[in-house]
Every structure is written in C-alpha cells, then in structure tokens.
Amino acid sequence: MAVPKKKKSRMRRNRRRAENMKITNVRAIALCSACGAPMVPHRACSNCGQYKGRQVFEVKEGAAED
C-alpha cells in the first residue's frame, strides 16, 4: 500500500480542494424543449412543468412569473 513520505501542507491541500470545487459549482443554463424557457439542466421546467417530454407536475397560473 502506498504511503506518503511527507505531510502535505495546508496550502497544497486547500489549493487542491479549491480546484475540485470550481468544477462542481458551475451551473449551465439550458432551454426547455417544450416551451423554450431557460432552466437548470436535469430538472423539471418551472414554466411548463415538463421533463424529458412528459408532464411531471401541473403549473398554477401566475406561479412561475417573477
């Protein structure tokens, strides 16, 4: 089993962790295939209530408007 010869400094450890966090915090905006509204990928559209072409939930009137 591999064992590190020396202890990693706090700076090196934190730099590595920060580099990994950059990748996960990026959020892209996708367009809904049904209504064309901007939405978060892999989530149901809050404007029309569809996900992957099927109706997931009913949207109440005026609920999605800002």
C-alpha atoms as a PDB file:
ATOM      1  CA  MET A   1       0.000   0.000   0.000  1.00  0.00           C
ATOM      2  CA  ALA A   2       1.312   3.450  -0.903  1.00  0.00           C
ATOM      3  CA  VAL A   3       2.103   5.756   1.988  1.00  0.00           C
ATOM      4  CA  PRO A   4       3.086   9.419   1.550  1.00  0.00           C
ATOM      5  CA  LYS A   5       6.662  10.221   2.591  1.00  0.00           C
ATOM      6  CA  LYS A   6       5.865  13.746   3.776  1.00  0.00           C
ATOM      7  CA  LYS A   7       2.845  15.588   5.089  1.00  0.00           C
ATOM      8  CA  LYS A   8       1.060  17.822   2.587  1.00  0.00           C
ATOM      9  CA  SER A   9       0.950  21.438   3.675  1.00  0.00           C
ATOM     10  CA  ARG A  10      -2.349  23.191   4.365  1.00  0.00           C
ATOM     11  CA  MET A  11      -1.791  25.399   1.343  1.00  0.00           C
ATOM     12  CA  ARG A  12      -1.354  22.464  -1.047  1.00  0.00           C
ATOM     13  CA  ARG A  13      -4.356  20.658   0.446  1.00  0.00           C
ATOM     14  CA  ASN A  14      -6.607  23.728   0.217  1.00  0.00           C
ATOM     15  CA  ARG A  15      -5.441  24.542  -3.307  1.00  0.00           C
ATOM     16  CA  ARG A  16      -6.328  21.022  -4.450  1.00  0.00           C
ATOM     17  CA  ARG A  17      -9.748  21.187  -2.789  1.00  0.00           C
ATOM     18  CA  ALA A  18     -10.492  24.605  -4.268  1.00  0.00           C
ATOM     19  CA  GLU A  19      -9.609  23.346  -7.735  1.00  0.00           C
ATOM     20  CA  ASN A  20     -12.086  20.483  -7.373  1.00  0.00           C
ATOM     21  CA  MET A  21     -14.824  22.791  -6.095  1.00  0.00           C
ATOM     22  CA  LYS A  22     -14.559  25.034  -9.154  1.00  0.00           C
ATOM     23  CA  ILE A  23     -15.780  22.235 -11.385  1.00  0.00           C
ATOM     24  CA  THR A  24     -18.849  21.334  -9.321  1.00  0.00           C
ATOM     25  CA  ASN A  25     -20.091  24.889  -8.749  1.00  0.00           C
ATOM     26  CA  VAL A  26     -20.545  25.701 -12.432  1.00  0.00           C
ATOM     27  CA  ARG A  27     -24.206  25.781 -13.449  1.00  0.00           C
ATOM     28  CA  ALA A  28     -25.168  25.964 -17.078  1.00  0.00           C
ATOM     29  CA  ILE A  29     -28.491  27.247 -18.326  1.00  0.00           C
ATOM     30  CA  ALA A  30     -30.406  25.044 -20.743  1.00  0.00           C
ATOM     31  CA  LEU A  31     -33.527  25.778 -22.736  1.00  0.00           C
ATOM     32  CA  CYS A  32     -36.709  23.798 -22.204  1.00  0.00           C
ATOM     33  CA  SER A  33     -37.513  21.630 -25.210  1.00  0.00           C
ATOM     34  CA  ALA A  34     -41.264  22.187 -24.801  1.00  0.00           C
ATOM     35  CA  CYS A  35     -41.612  25.919 -24.118  1.00  0.00           C
ATOM     36  CA  GLY A  36     -38.092  27.293 -24.751  1.00  0.00           C
ATOM     37  CA  ALA A  37     -37.776  28.933 -21.329  1.00  0.00           C
ATOM     38  CA  PRO A  38     -34.356  28.987 -19.604  1.00  0.00           C
ATOM     39  CA  MET A  39     -33.996  26.280 -16.941  1.00  0.00           C
ATOM     40  CA  VAL A  40     -31.444  24.345 -14.903  1.00  0.00           C
ATOM     41  CA  PRO A  41     -30.357  21.138 -16.697  1.00  0.00           C
ATOM     42  CA  HIS A  42     -31.717  17.779 -15.460  1.00  0.00           C
ATOM     43  CA  ARG A  43     -34.618  19.465 -13.619  1.00  0.00           C
ATOM     44  CA  ALA A  44     -38.274  19.881 -14.488  1.00  0.00           C
ATOM     45  CA  CYS A  45     -39.120  23.180 -16.168  1.00  0.00           C
ATOM     46  CA  SER A  46     -40.767  25.570 -13.715  1.00  0.00           C
ATOM     47  CA  ASN A  47     -42.507  27.371 -16.569  1.00  0.00           C
ATOM     48  CA  CYS A  48     -44.393  24.445 -18.162  1.00  0.00           C
ATOM     49  CA  GLY A  49     -43.832  21.532 -15.720  1.00  0.00           C
ATOM     50  CA  GLN A  50     -42.318  19.120 -18.253  1.00  0.00           C
ATOM     51  CA  TYR A  51     -39.210  16.938 -18.033  1.00  0.00           C
ATOM     52  CA  LYS A  52     -37.888  14.881 -20.968  1.00  0.00           C
ATOM     53  CA  GLY A  53     -41.074  15.426 -22.937  1.00  0.00           C
ATOM     54  CA  ARG A  54     -43.555  14.282 -20.309  1.00  0.00           C
ATOM     55  CA  GLN A  55     -45.688  16.288 -17.894  1.00  0.00           C
ATOM     56  CA  VAL A  56     -44.279  15.968 -14.362  1.00  0.00           C
ATOM     57  CA  PHE A  57     -46.433  18.482 -12.486  1.00  0.00           C
ATOM     58  CA  GLU A  58     -49.172  20.984 -13.199  1.00  0.00           C
ATOM     59  CA  VAL A  59     -48.178  24.651 -13.121  1.00  0.00           C
ATOM     60  CA  LYS A  60     -50.555  27.002 -11.369  1.00  0.00           C
ATOM     61  CA  GLU A  61     -51.412  30.278 -13.094  1.00  0.00           C
ATOM     62  CA  GLY A  62     -49.014  33.071 -12.095  1.00  0.00           C
ATOM     63  CA  ALA A  63     -46.762  30.768 -10.028  1.00  0.00           C
ATOM     64  CA  ALA A  64     -43.794  30.803 -12.444  1.00  0.00           C
ATOM     65  CA  GLU A  65     -43.959  34.530 -13.195  1.00  0.00           C
ATOM     66  CA  ASP A  66     -41.496  36.833 -11.426  1.00  0.00           C
END
